PDB file of N, CA and C in Angstrom:
ATOM      1  N   MET A   1      52.141   5.824  -4.061  1.00  0.00           N
ATOM      2  CA  MET A   1      51.935   5.542  -5.463  1.00  0.00           C
ATOM      3  C   MET A   1      50.620   4.772  -5.629  1.00  0.00           C
ATOM      4  N   ALA A   2      49.874   5.081  -6.667  1.00  0.00           N
ATOM      5  CA  ALA A   2      48.577   4.459  -6.897  1.00  0.00           C
ATOM      6  C   ALA A   2      48.747   3.017  -7.369  1.00  0.00           C
ATOM      7  N   GLU A   3      47.778   2.214  -6.985  1.00  0.00           N
ATOM      8  CA  GLU A   3      47.787   0.801  -7.394  1.00  0.00           C
ATOM      9  C   GLU A   3      47.476   0.705  -8.889  1.00  0.00           C
ATOM     10  N   PRO A   4      48.177  -0.131  -9.623  1.00  0.00           N
ATOM     11  CA  PRO A   4      47.875  -0.266 -11.062  1.00  0.00           C
ATOM     12  C   PRO A   4      46.520  -0.954 -11.271  1.00  0.00           C
ATOM     13  N   PHE A   5      45.911  -0.641 -12.423  1.00  0.00           N
ATOM     14  CA  PHE A   5      44.597  -1.203 -12.741  1.00  0.00           C
ATOM     15  C   PHE A   5      44.714  -2.701 -12.970  1.00  0.00           C
ATOM     16  N   ASN A   6      43.836  -3.457 -12.303  1.00  0.00           N
ATOM     17  CA  ASN A   6      43.809  -4.913 -12.443  1.00  0.00           C
ATOM     18  C   ASN A   6      42.410  -5.295 -12.916  1.00  0.00           C
ATOM     19  N   ALA A   7      42.285  -5.739 -14.173  1.00  0.00           N
ATOM     20  CA  ALA A   7      40.979  -6.060 -14.756  1.00  0.00           C
ATOM     21  C   ALA A   7      40.312  -7.222 -14.019  1.00  0.00           C
ATOM     22  N   LYS A   8      41.098  -8.200 -13.594  1.00  0.00           N
ATOM     23  CA  LYS A   8      40.522  -9.354 -12.888  1.00  0.00           C
ATOM     24  C   LYS A   8      39.894  -8.921 -11.564  1.00  0.00           C
ATOM     25  N   LYS A   9      40.562  -8.027 -10.856  1.00  0.00           N
ATOM     26  CA  LYS A   9      40.027  -7.529  -9.593  1.00  0.00           C
ATOM     27  C   LYS A   9      38.785  -6.674  -9.831  1.00  0.00           C
ATOM     28  N   TRP A  10      38.799  -5.866 -10.884  1.00  0.00           N
ATOM     29  CA  TRP A  10      37.673  -4.987 -11.181  1.00  0.00           C
ATOM     30  C   TRP A  10      36.437  -5.792 -11.558  1.00  0.00           C
ATOM     31  N   PHE A  11      36.570  -6.791 -12.446  1.00  0.00           N
ATOM     32  CA  PHE A  11      35.439  -7.628 -12.824  1.00  0.00           C
ATOM     33  C   PHE A  11      35.010  -8.548 -11.686  1.00  0.00           C
ATOM     34  N   GLY A  12      35.929  -8.899 -10.789  1.00  0.00           N
ATOM     35  CA  GLY A  12      35.599  -9.737  -9.641  1.00  0.00           C
ATOM     36  C   GLY A  12      34.628  -9.065  -8.696  1.00  0.00           C
ATOM     37  N   GLY A  13      34.587  -7.736  -8.685  1.00  0.00           N
ATOM     38  CA  GLY A  13      33.646  -7.003  -7.841  1.00  0.00           C
ATOM     39  C   GLY A  13      32.199  -7.247  -8.232  1.00  0.00           C
ATOM     40  N   PHE A  14      31.942  -7.549  -9.522  1.00  0.00           N
ATOM     41  CA  PHE A  14      30.579  -7.813  -9.973  1.00  0.00           C
ATOM     42  C   PHE A  14      30.097  -9.188  -9.542  1.00  0.00           C
ATOM     43  N   LEU A  15      31.018 -10.071  -9.225  1.00  0.00           N
ATOM     44  CA  LEU A  15      30.656 -11.427  -8.834  1.00  0.00           C
ATOM     45  C   LEU A  15      30.607 -11.613  -7.325  1.00  0.00           C
ATOM     46  N   ASP A  16      30.928 -10.575  -6.584  1.00  0.00           N
ATOM     47  CA  ASP A  16      30.977 -10.664  -5.130  1.00  0.00           C
ATOM     48  C   ASP A  16      29.555 -10.654  -4.558  1.00  0.00           C
ATOM     49  N   VAL A  17      29.249 -11.602  -3.678  1.00  0.00           N
ATOM     50  CA  VAL A  17      27.918 -11.716  -3.079  1.00  0.00           C
ATOM     51  C   VAL A  17      27.618 -10.517  -2.176  1.00  0.00           C
ATOM     52  N   THR A  18      28.622 -10.030  -1.476  1.00  0.00           N
ATOM     53  CA  THR A  18      28.423  -8.894  -0.574  1.00  0.00           C
ATOM     54  C   THR A  18      27.974  -7.657  -1.348  1.00  0.00           C
ATOM     55  N   THR A  19      28.600  -7.432  -2.498  1.00  0.00           N
ATOM     56  CA  THR A  19      28.231  -6.269  -3.316  1.00  0.00           C
ATOM     57  C   THR A  19      26.778  -6.355  -3.757  1.00  0.00           C
ATOM     58  N   TRP A  20      26.343  -7.514  -4.233  1.00  0.00           N
ATOM     59  CA  TRP A  20      24.965  -7.675  -4.701  1.00  0.00           C
ATOM     60  C   TRP A  20      23.976  -7.618  -3.545  1.00  0.00           C
ATOM     61  N   SER A  21      24.321  -8.180  -2.389  1.00  0.00           N
ATOM     62  CA  SER A  21      23.381  -8.132  -1.264  1.00  0.00           C
ATOM     63  C   SER A  21      23.205  -6.697  -0.767  1.00  0.00           C
ATOM     64  N   LYS A  22      24.287  -5.920  -0.741  1.00  0.00           N
ATOM     65  CA  LYS A  22      24.162  -4.512  -0.352  1.00  0.00           C
ATOM     66  C   LYS A  22      23.308  -3.755  -1.368  1.00  0.00           C
ATOM     67  N   SER A  23      23.479  -4.054  -2.637  1.00  0.00           N
ATOM     68  CA  SER A  23      22.680  -3.389  -3.669  1.00  0.00           C
ATOM     69  C   SER A  23      21.200  -3.702  -3.507  1.00  0.00           C
ATOM     70  N   VAL A  24      20.872  -4.952  -3.202  1.00  0.00           N
ATOM     71  CA  VAL A  24      19.471  -5.338  -3.009  1.00  0.00           C
ATOM     72  C   VAL A  24      18.887  -4.633  -1.790  1.00  0.00           C
ATOM     73  N   VAL A  25      19.654  -4.547  -0.710  1.00  0.00           N
ATOM     74  CA  VAL A  25      19.170  -3.875   0.502  1.00  0.00           C
ATOM     75  C   VAL A  25      18.961  -2.387   0.242  1.00  0.00           C
ATOM     76  N   TYR A  26      19.895  -1.741  -0.452  1.00  0.00           N
ATOM     77  CA  TYR A  26      19.743  -0.323  -0.766  1.00  0.00           C
ATOM     78  C   TYR A  26      18.534  -0.098  -1.661  1.00  0.00           C
ATOM     79  N   PHE A  27      18.334  -0.959  -2.652  1.00  0.00           N
ATOM     80  CA  PHE A  27      17.173  -0.845  -3.535  1.00  0.00           C
ATOM     81  C   PHE A  27      15.875  -1.000  -2.745  1.00  0.00           C
ATOM     82  N   ALA A  28      15.825  -1.956  -1.829  1.00  0.00           N
ATOM     83  CA  ALA A  28      14.619  -2.171  -1.017  1.00  0.00           C
ATOM     84  C   ALA A  28      14.348  -0.959  -0.128  1.00  0.00           C
ATOM     85  N   MET A  29      15.396  -0.384   0.453  1.00  0.00           N
ATOM     86  CA  MET A  29      15.211   0.788   1.316  1.00  0.00           C
ATOM     87  C   MET A  29      14.671   1.977   0.517  1.00  0.00           C
ATOM     88  N   ILE A  30      15.221   2.197  -0.678  1.00  0.00           N
ATOM     89  CA  ILE A  30      14.750   3.292  -1.524  1.00  0.00           C
ATOM     90  C   ILE A  30      13.309   3.048  -1.936  1.00  0.00           C
ATOM     91  N   LEU A  31      12.963   1.805  -2.260  1.00  0.00           N
ATOM     92  CA  LEU A  31      11.599   1.463  -2.654  1.00  0.00           C
ATOM     93  C   LEU A  31      10.614   1.712  -1.514  1.00  0.00           C
ATOM     94  N   VAL A  32      10.967   1.330  -0.298  1.00  0.00           N
ATOM     95  CA  VAL A  32      10.092   1.558   0.864  1.00  0.00           C
ATOM     96  C   VAL A  32       9.892   3.056   1.093  1.00  0.00           C
ATOM     97  N   ILE A  33      10.949   3.831   0.980  1.00  0.00           N
ATOM     98  CA  ILE A  33      10.834   5.284   1.168  1.00  0.00           C
ATOM     99  C   ILE A  33       9.921   5.886   0.100  1.00  0.00           C
ATOM    100  N   LEU A  34      10.060   5.445  -1.155  1.00  0.00           N
ATOM    101  CA  LEU A  34       9.203   5.952  -2.222  1.00  0.00           C
ATOM    102  C   LEU A  34       7.743   5.562  -2.004  1.00  0.00           C
ATOM    103  N   ILE A  35       7.503   4.350  -1.527  1.00  0.00           N
ATOM    104  CA  ILE A  35       6.126   3.920  -1.252  1.00  0.00           C
ATOM    105  C   ILE A  35       5.509   4.761  -0.137  1.00  0.00           C
ATOM    106  N   ILE A  36       6.275   5.054   0.898  1.00  0.00           N
ATOM    107  CA  ILE A  36       5.782   5.886   2.000  1.00  0.00           C
ATOM    108  C   ILE A  36       5.458   7.289   1.494  1.00  0.00           C
ATOM    109  N   ILE A  37       6.349   7.866   0.686  1.00  0.00           N
ATOM    110  CA  ILE A  37       6.113   9.205   0.138  1.00  0.00           C
ATOM    111  C   ILE A  37       4.868   9.191  -0.754  1.00  0.00           C
ATOM    112  N   PHE A  38       4.739   8.167  -1.592  1.00  0.00           N
ATOM    113  CA  PHE A  38       3.589   8.076  -2.494  1.00  0.00           C
ATOM    114  C   PHE A  38       2.288   7.907  -1.708  1.00  0.00           C
ATOM    115  N   THR A  39       2.325   7.135  -0.633  1.00  0.00           N
ATOM    116  CA  THR A  39       1.136   6.946   0.197  1.00  0.00           C
ATOM    117  C   THR A  39       0.711   8.255   0.852  1.00  0.00           C
ATOM    118  N   ILE A  40       1.662   9.000   1.375  1.00  0.00           N
ATOM    119  CA  ILE A  40       1.354  10.294   1.984  1.00  0.00           C
ATOM    120  C   ILE A  40       0.801  11.247   0.930  1.00  0.00           C
ATOM    121  N   TYR A  41       1.391  11.234  -0.265  1.00  0.00           N
ATOM    122  CA  TYR A  41       0.900  12.086  -1.340  1.00  0.00           C
ATOM    123  C   TYR A  41      -0.542  11.734  -1.702  1.00  0.00           C
ATOM    124  N   ARG A  42      -0.830  10.444  -1.838  1.00  0.00           N
ATOM    125  CA  ARG A  42      -2.188  10.020  -2.200  1.00  0.00           C
ATOM    126  C   ARG A  42      -3.180  10.352  -1.089  1.00  0.00           C
ATOM    127  N   ALA A  43      -2.749  10.237   0.162  1.00  0.00           N
ATOM    128  CA  ALA A  43      -3.662  10.456   1.276  1.00  0.00           C
ATOM    129  C   ALA A  43      -3.988  11.938   1.484  1.00  0.00           C
ATOM    130  N   TYR A  44      -3.029  12.826   1.276  1.00  0.00           N
ATOM    131  CA  TYR A  44      -3.239  14.215   1.642  1.00  0.00           C
ATOM    132  C   TYR A  44      -3.273  15.196   0.478  1.00  0.00           C
ATOM    133  N   PHE A  45      -2.642  14.885  -0.650  1.00  0.00           N
ATOM    134  CA  PHE A  45      -2.498  15.885  -1.693  1.00  0.00           C
ATOM    135  C   PHE A  45      -3.163  15.519  -3.027  1.00  0.00           C
ATOM    136  N   MET A  46      -3.493  14.266  -3.246  1.00  0.00           N
ATOM    137  CA  MET A  46      -4.093  13.886  -4.516  1.00  0.00           C
ATOM    138  C   MET A  46      -5.552  14.327  -4.559  1.00  0.00           C
ATOM    139  N   LYS A  47      -5.952  14.899  -5.693  1.00  0.00           N
ATOM    140  CA  LYS A  47      -7.321  15.374  -5.850  1.00  0.00           C
ATOM    141  C   LYS A  47      -8.257  14.177  -5.942  1.00  0.00           C
ATOM    142  N   THR A  48      -9.314  14.215  -5.156  1.00  0.00           N
ATOM    143  CA  THR A  48     -10.281  13.130  -5.175  1.00  0.00           C
ATOM    144  C   THR A  48     -11.518  13.557  -5.951  1.00  0.00           C
ATOM    145  N   GLY A  49     -12.297  12.599  -6.359  1.00  0.00           N
ATOM    146  CA  GLY A  49     -13.522  12.885  -7.082  1.00  0.00           C
ATOM    147  C   GLY A  49     -14.552  13.530  -6.178  1.00  0.00           C
ATOM    148  N   SER A  50     -15.496  14.250  -6.791  1.00  0.00           N
ATOM    149  CA  SER A  50     -16.525  14.914  -5.997  1.00  0.00           C
ATOM    150  C   SER A  50     -17.597  13.911  -5.591  1.00  0.00           C
ATOM    151  N   ASN A  51     -18.255  14.192  -4.501  1.00  0.00           N
ATOM    152  CA  ASN A  51     -19.317  13.328  -3.993  1.00  0.00           C
ATOM    153  C   ASN A  51     -20.677  13.959  -4.273  1.00  0.00           C
ATOM    154  N   ILE A  52     -21.035  14.014  -5.539  1.00  0.00           N
ATOM    155  CA  ILE A  52     -22.328  14.570  -5.918  1.00  0.00           C
ATOM    156  C   ILE A  52     -23.349  13.443  -5.888  1.00  0.00           C
ATOM    157  N   ASN A  53     -24.460  13.690  -5.209  1.00  0.00           N
ATOM    158  CA  ASN A  53     -25.518  12.690  -5.158  1.00  0.00           C
ATOM    159  C   ASN A  53     -26.248  12.660  -6.489  1.00  0.00           C
ATOM    160  N   LYS A  54     -26.135  11.553  -7.200  1.00  0.00           N
ATOM    161  CA  LYS A  54     -26.832  11.382  -8.465  1.00  0.00           C
ATOM    162  C   LYS A  54     -27.950  10.366  -8.250  1.00  0.00           C
ATOM    163  N   PRO A  55     -29.115  10.636  -8.801  1.00  0.00           N
ATOM    164  CA  PRO A  55     -30.194   9.663  -8.636  1.00  0.00           C
ATOM    165  C   PRO A  55     -29.863   8.363  -9.352  1.00  0.00           C
ATOM    166  N   ILE A  56     -30.204   7.264  -8.738  1.00  0.00           N
ATOM    167  CA  ILE A  56     -29.964   5.956  -9.321  1.00  0.00           C
ATOM    168  C   ILE A  56     -31.274   5.446  -9.903  1.00  0.00           C
ATOM    169  N   VAL A  57     -31.285   5.213 -11.192  1.00  0.00           N
ATOM    170  CA  VAL A  57     -32.462   4.699 -11.878  1.00  0.00           C
ATOM    171  C   VAL A  57     -32.117   3.304 -12.369  1.00  0.00           C
ATOM    172  N   VAL A  58     -32.896   2.337 -11.950  1.00  0.00           N
ATOM    173  CA  VAL A  58     -32.664   0.960 -12.349  1.00  0.00           C
ATOM    174  C   VAL A  58     -33.722   0.573 -13.369  1.00  0.00           C
ATOM    175  N   GLY A  59     -33.261   0.107 -14.522  1.00  0.00           N
ATOM    176  CA  GLY A  59     -34.194  -0.312 -15.552  1.00  0.00           C
ATOM    177  C   GLY A  59     -33.553  -1.351 -16.434  1.00  0.00           C
ATOM    178  N   LEU A  60     -34.355  -2.252 -16.943  1.00  0.00           N
ATOM    179  CA  LEU A  60     -33.851  -3.277 -17.842  1.00  0.00           C
ATOM    180  C   LEU A  60     -33.746  -2.727 -19.252  1.00  0.00           C
ATOM    181  N   PRO A  61     -32.847  -3.293 -20.096  1.00  0.00           N
ATOM    182  CA  PRO A  61     -32.762  -2.840 -21.485  1.00  0.00           C
ATOM    183  C   PRO A  61     -34.114  -2.991 -22.184  1.00  0.00           C
ATOM    184  N   GLY A  62     -34.530  -1.925 -22.876  1.00  0.00           N
ATOM    185  CA  GLY A  62     -35.801  -1.939 -23.581  1.00  0.00           C
ATOM    186  C   GLY A  62     -36.942  -1.373 -22.773  1.00  0.00           C
ATOM    187  N   SER A  63     -36.758  -1.131 -21.468  1.00  0.00           N
ATOM    188  CA  SER A  63     -37.843  -0.600 -20.645  1.00  0.00           C
ATOM    189  C   SER A  63     -37.879   0.919 -20.720  1.00  0.00           C
ATOM    190  N   THR A  64     -39.002   1.502 -20.346  1.00  0.00           N
ATOM    191  CA  THR A  64     -39.163   2.953 -20.363  1.00  0.00           C
ATOM    192  C   THR A  64     -39.584   3.398 -18.968  1.00  0.00           C
ATOM    193  N   ILE A  65     -38.845   4.355 -18.414  1.00  0.00           N
ATOM    194  CA  ILE A  65     -39.175   4.932 -17.115  1.00  0.00           C
ATOM    195  C   ILE A  65     -39.284   6.434 -17.335  1.00  0.00           C
ATOM    196  N   GLY A  66     -40.491   6.975 -17.204  1.00  0.00           N
ATOM    197  CA  GLY A  66     -40.695   8.396 -17.488  1.00  0.00           C
ATOM    198  C   GLY A  66     -40.440   8.650 -18.963  1.00  0.00           C
ATOM    199  N   ASN A  67     -39.545   9.588 -19.255  1.00  0.00           N
ATOM    200  CA  ASN A  67     -39.195   9.906 -20.640  1.00  0.00           C
ATOM    201  C   ASN A  67     -37.887   9.242 -21.065  1.00  0.00           C
ATOM    202  N   VAL A  68     -37.339   8.355 -20.234  1.00  0.00           N
ATOM    203  CA  VAL A  68     -36.046   7.717 -20.520  1.00  0.00           C
ATOM    204  C   VAL A  68     -36.296   6.293 -20.984  1.00  0.00           C
ATOM    205  N   THR A  69     -35.727   5.952 -22.141  1.00  0.00           N
ATOM    206  CA  THR A  69     -35.809   4.590 -22.656  1.00  0.00           C
ATOM    207  C   THR A  69     -34.423   3.971 -22.556  1.00  0.00           C
ATOM    208  N   PHE A  70     -34.333   2.830 -21.913  1.00  0.00           N
ATOM    209  CA  PHE A  70     -33.046   2.150 -21.742  1.00  0.00           C
ATOM    210  C   PHE A  70     -32.797   1.253 -22.951  1.00  0.00           C
ATOM    211  N   GLN A  71     -31.744   1.564 -23.699  1.00  0.00           N
ATOM    212  CA  GLN A  71     -31.409   0.768 -24.877  1.00  0.00           C
ATOM    213  C   GLN A  71     -30.446  -0.368 -24.514  1.00  0.00           C
ATOM    214  N   SER A  72     -29.513  -0.109 -23.630  1.00  0.00           N
ATOM    215  CA  SER A  72     -28.551  -1.128 -23.222  1.00  0.00           C
ATOM    216  C   SER A  72     -28.157  -0.867 -21.776  1.00  0.00           C
ATOM    217  N   GLU A  73     -27.419  -1.797 -21.213  1.00  0.00           N
ATOM    218  CA  GLU A  73     -26.993  -1.629 -19.826  1.00  0.00           C
ATOM    219  C   GLU A  73     -25.919  -0.561 -19.738  1.00  0.00           C
ATOM    220  N   GLN A  74     -26.023   0.252 -18.707  1.00  0.00           N
ATOM    221  CA  GLN A  74     -25.036   1.298 -18.498  1.00  0.00           C
ATOM    222  C   GLN A  74     -23.848   0.709 -17.751  1.00  0.00           C
ATOM    223  N   LYS A  75     -22.660   1.017 -18.227  1.00  0.00           N
ATOM    224  CA  LYS A  75     -21.449   0.507 -17.582  1.00  0.00           C
ATOM    225  C   LYS A  75     -20.672   1.682 -17.002  1.00  0.00           C
ATOM    226  N   ILE A  76     -20.166   1.488 -15.799  1.00  0.00           N
ATOM    227  CA  ILE A  76     -19.367   2.516 -15.134  1.00  0.00           C
ATOM    228  C   ILE A  76     -17.907   2.229 -15.437  1.00  0.00           C
ATOM    229  N   GLU A  77     -17.213   3.235 -15.941  1.00  0.00           N
ATOM    230  CA  GLU A  77     -15.809   3.057 -16.309  1.00  0.00           C
ATOM    231  C   GLU A  77     -14.927   3.376 -15.114  1.00  0.00           C
ATOM    232  N   ASN A  78     -13.985   2.491 -14.850  1.00  0.00           N
ATOM    233  CA  ASN A  78     -13.018   2.723 -13.778  1.00  0.00           C
ATOM    234  C   ASN A  78     -11.922   3.624 -14.322  1.00  0.00           C
ATOM    235  N   LYS A  79     -11.707   4.783 -13.691  1.00  0.00           N
ATOM    236  CA  LYS A  79     -10.748   5.742 -14.211  1.00  0.00           C
ATOM    237  C   LYS A  79      -9.321   5.487 -13.736  1.00  0.00           C
ATOM    238  N   ARG A  80      -9.132   4.546 -12.848  1.00  0.00           N
ATOM    239  CA  ARG A  80      -7.789   4.256 -12.356  1.00  0.00           C
ATOM    240  C   ARG A  80      -7.022   3.465 -13.408  1.00  0.00           C
ATOM    241  N   LYS A  81      -5.825   3.895 -13.692  1.00  0.00           N
ATOM    242  CA  LYS A  81      -4.968   3.175 -14.635  1.00  0.00           C
ATOM    243  C   LYS A  81      -4.477   1.887 -13.979  1.00  0.00           C
ATOM    244  N   TRP A  82      -4.316   0.851 -14.757  1.00  0.00           N
ATOM    245  CA  TRP A  82      -3.934  -0.445 -14.202  1.00  0.00           C
ATOM    246  C   TRP A  82      -2.516  -0.444 -13.664  1.00  0.00           C
ATOM    247  N   PHE A  83      -1.661   0.416 -14.168  1.00  0.00           N
ATOM    248  CA  PHE A  83      -0.253   0.392 -13.758  1.00  0.00           C
ATOM    249  C   PHE A  83       0.026   1.251 -12.530  1.00  0.00           C
ATOM    250  N   VAL A  84      -0.991   1.894 -11.971  1.00  0.00           N
ATOM    251  CA  VAL A  84      -0.806   2.695 -10.762  1.00  0.00           C
ATOM    252  C   VAL A  84      -0.919   1.771  -9.556  1.00  0.00           C
ATOM    253  N   PRO A  85       0.162   1.632  -8.776  1.00  0.00           N
ATOM    254  CA  PRO A  85       0.085   0.737  -7.614  1.00  0.00           C
ATOM    255  C   PRO A  85      -0.763   1.343  -6.501  1.00  0.00           C
ATOM    256  N   ILE A  86      -1.385   0.465  -5.732  1.00  0.00           N
ATOM    257  CA  ILE A  86      -2.213   0.880  -4.612  1.00  0.00           C
ATOM    258  C   ILE A  86      -1.534   0.384  -3.330  1.00  0.00           C
ATOM    259  N   PRO A  87      -0.869   1.275  -2.593  1.00  0.00           N
ATOM    260  CA  PRO A  87      -0.230   0.823  -1.355  1.00  0.00           C
ATOM    261  C   PRO A  87      -1.272   0.603  -0.261  1.00  0.00           C
ATOM    262  N   TYR A  88      -0.993  -0.356   0.609  1.00  0.00           N
ATOM    263  CA  TYR A  88      -1.918  -0.609   1.706  1.00  0.00           C
ATOM    264  C   TYR A  88      -1.146  -0.987   2.967  1.00  0.00           C
ATOM    265  N   VAL A  89      -1.752  -0.708   4.100  1.00  0.00           N
ATOM    266  CA  VAL A  89      -1.212  -1.087   5.404  1.00  0.00           C
ATOM    267  C   VAL A  89      -2.380  -1.623   6.218  1.00  0.00           C
ATOM    268  N   ALA A  90      -2.202  -2.764   6.859  1.00  0.00           N
ATOM    269  CA  ALA A  90      -3.254  -3.347   7.687  1.00  0.00           C
ATOM    270  C   ALA A  90      -2.677  -3.684   9.058  1.00  0.00           C
ATOM    271  N   VAL A  91      -3.358  -3.257  10.089  1.00  0.00           N
ATOM    272  CA  VAL A  91      -2.955  -3.547  11.463  1.00  0.00           C
ATOM    273  C   VAL A  91      -3.959  -4.543  12.021  1.00  0.00           C
ATOM    274  N   PHE A  92      -3.460  -5.558  12.698  1.00  0.00           N
ATOM    275  CA  PHE A  92      -4.363  -6.560  13.241  1.00  0.00           C
ATOM    276  C   PHE A  92      -3.941  -6.934  14.651  1.00  0.00           C
ATOM    277  N   GLY A  93      -4.879  -7.487  15.383  1.00  0.00           N
ATOM    278  CA  GLY A  93      -4.603  -7.934  16.739  1.00  0.00           C
ATOM    279  C   GLY A  93      -5.520  -9.068  17.114  1.00  0.00           C
ATOM    280  N   GLU A  94      -5.081  -9.840  18.066  1.00  0.00           N
ATOM    281  CA  GLU A  94      -5.933 -10.935  18.529  1.00  0.00           C
ATOM    282  C   GLU A  94      -5.759 -11.099  20.036  1.00  0.00           C
ATOM    283  N   TYR A  95      -6.780 -11.621  20.638  1.00  0.00           N
ATOM    284  CA  TYR A  95      -6.802 -11.833  22.079  1.00  0.00           C
ATOM    285  C   TYR A  95      -7.591 -13.103  22.296  1.00  0.00           C
ATOM    286  N   LYS A  96      -6.922 -14.157  22.718  1.00  0.00           N
ATOM    287  CA  LYS A  96      -7.615 -15.441  22.826  1.00  0.00           C
ATOM    288  C   LYS A  96      -7.279 -16.138  24.134  1.00  0.00           C
ATOM    289  N   SER A  97      -8.183 -16.996  24.522  1.00  0.00           N
ATOM    290  CA  SER A  97      -8.005 -17.777  25.733  1.00  0.00           C
ATOM    291  C   SER A  97      -7.187 -19.019  25.399  1.00  0.00           C
ATOM    292  N   VAL A  98      -6.193 -19.313  26.223  1.00  0.00           N
ATOM    293  CA  VAL A  98      -5.341 -20.471  25.983  1.00  0.00           C
ATOM    294  C   VAL A  98      -5.997 -21.737  26.516  1.00  0.00           C
ATOM    295  N   ASP A  99      -6.602 -21.638  27.662  1.00  0.00           N
ATOM    296  CA  ASP A  99      -7.293 -22.795  28.238  1.00  0.00           C
ATOM    297  C   ASP A  99      -8.551 -22.307  28.962  1.00  0.00           C
ATOM    298  N   ALA A 100      -9.145 -23.172  29.708  1.00  0.00           N
ATOM    299  CA  ALA A 100     -10.402 -22.834  30.380  1.00  0.00           C
ATOM    300  C   ALA A 100     -10.204 -21.867  31.544  1.00  0.00           C
ATOM    301  N   SER A 101      -8.957 -21.654  31.949  1.00  0.00           N
ATOM    302  CA  SER A 101      -8.696 -20.734  33.053  1.00  0.00           C
ATOM    303  C   SER A 101      -9.133 -19.320  32.657  1.00  0.00           C
ATOM    304  N   ILE A 102      -9.749 -18.635  33.573  1.00  0.00           N
ATOM    305  CA  ILE A 102     -10.296 -17.323  33.247  1.00  0.00           C
ATOM    306  C   ILE A 102      -9.220 -16.251  33.152  1.00  0.00           C
ATOM    307  N   ASN A 103      -8.057 -16.485  33.733  1.00  0.00           N
ATOM    308  CA  ASN A 103      -7.018 -15.460  33.740  1.00  0.00           C
ATOM    309  C   ASN A 103      -5.835 -15.805  32.837  1.00  0.00           C
ATOM    310  N   HIS A 104      -5.980 -16.741  31.938  1.00  0.00           N
ATOM    311  CA  HIS A 104      -4.862 -17.136  31.095  1.00  0.00           C
ATOM    312  C   HIS A 104      -5.195 -16.847  29.632  1.00  0.00           C
ATOM    313  N   PHE A 105      -4.671 -15.722  29.146  1.00  0.00           N
ATOM    314  CA  PHE A 105      -4.950 -15.287  27.784  1.00  0.00           C
ATOM    315  C   PHE A 105      -3.644 -15.049  27.043  1.00  0.00           C
ATOM    316  N   GLU A 106      -3.704 -15.123  25.709  1.00  0.00           N
ATOM    317  CA  GLU A 106      -2.590 -14.726  24.859  1.00  0.00           C
ATOM    318  C   GLU A 106      -3.056 -13.567  23.993  1.00  0.00           C
ATOM    319  N   ALA A 107      -2.213 -12.588  23.870  1.00  0.00           N
ATOM    320  CA  ALA A 107      -2.545 -11.441  23.031  1.00  0.00           C
ATOM    321  C   ALA A 107      -1.444 -11.279  21.999  1.00  0.00           C
ATOM    322  N   GLY A 108      -1.820 -10.848  20.834  1.00  0.00           N
ATOM    323  CA  GLY A 108      -0.839 -10.609  19.786  1.00  0.00           C
ATOM    324  C   GLY A 108      -1.300  -9.498  18.872  1.00  0.00           C
ATOM    325  N   TYR A 109      -0.383  -8.891  18.229  1.00  0.00           N
ATOM    326  CA  TYR A 109      -0.708  -7.845  17.277  1.00  0.00           C
ATOM    327  C   TYR A 109       0.351  -7.841  16.198  1.00  0.00           C
ATOM    328  N   GLY A 110       0.052  -7.191  15.104  1.00  0.00           N
ATOM    329  CA  GLY A 110       1.001  -7.134  14.013  1.00  0.00           C
ATOM    330  C   GLY A 110       0.574  -6.112  12.978  1.00  0.00           C
ATOM    331  N   ILE A 111       1.421  -5.957  11.998  1.00  0.00           N
ATOM    332  CA  ILE A 111       1.151  -5.025  10.909  1.00  0.00           C
ATOM    333  C   ILE A 111       1.656  -5.669   9.628  1.00  0.00           C
ATOM    334  N   THR A 112       0.924  -5.462   8.580  1.00  0.00           N
ATOM    335  CA  THR A 112       1.340  -5.954   7.279  1.00  0.00           C
ATOM    336  C   THR A 112       1.088  -4.851   6.261  1.00  0.00           C
ATOM    337  N   GLY A 113       1.827  -4.875   5.196  1.00  0.00           N
ATOM    338  CA  GLY A 113       1.680  -3.853   4.166  1.00  0.00           C
ATOM    339  C   GLY A 113       2.222  -4.345   2.853  1.00  0.00           C
ATOM    340  N   GLY A 114       1.930  -3.609   1.821  1.00  0.00           N
ATOM    341  CA  GLY A 114       2.425  -3.972   0.503  1.00  0.00           C
ATOM    342  C   GLY A 114       1.821  -3.096  -0.561  1.00  0.00           C
ATOM    343  N   ILE A 115       1.947  -3.559  -1.795  1.00  0.00           N
ATOM    344  CA  ILE A 115       1.379  -2.829  -2.922  1.00  0.00           C
ATOM    345  C   ILE A 115       0.474  -3.772  -3.682  1.00  0.00           C
ATOM    346  N   ARG A 116      -0.591  -3.224  -4.245  1.00  0.00           N
ATOM    347  CA  ARG A 116      -1.552  -4.024  -4.989  1.00  0.00           C
ATOM    348  C   ARG A 116      -1.772  -3.372  -6.351  1.00  0.00           C
ATOM    349  N   TRP A 117      -1.921  -4.208  -7.382  1.00  0.00           N
ATOM    350  CA  TRP A 117      -2.284  -3.716  -8.704  1.00  0.00           C
ATOM    351  C   TRP A 117      -3.626  -4.303  -9.077  1.00  0.00           C
ATOM    352  N   ASP A 118      -4.555  -3.482  -9.503  1.00  0.00           N
ATOM    353  CA  ASP A 118      -5.864  -3.933  -9.966  1.00  0.00           C
ATOM    354  C   ASP A 118      -5.850  -3.964 -11.487  1.00  0.00           C
ATOM    355  N   PHE A 119      -6.046  -5.153 -12.046  1.00  0.00           N
ATOM    356  CA  PHE A 119      -6.060  -5.295 -13.503  1.00  0.00           C
ATOM    357  C   PHE A 119      -7.480  -5.302 -14.003  1.00  0.00           C
TER     358      PHE A 119
END
């Protein structure tokens, strides 16, 4: 026979620390997987801008170079939206001498990663 519905037991599940900690861990795992997928997509499948060599002309406002008169400073617009996260991974290592002995060294390495937003 099925257990009767108990409202106190049902609402008590929302206050349980184990339930919330599992939810946070599952959310973090899904977030990491999405970041990895997004990084692979950006690295291999996202269309990048073309690398056309454009001549760079430097001139002050009001100056004339050839047939071009500079009225104001030219500003380059950043086409990246501010809400698009930029994932990054950095690998580092170190190798240092502990003392004056020539054969006594410590080596270490590590990796760090995260997401960055440019405002």
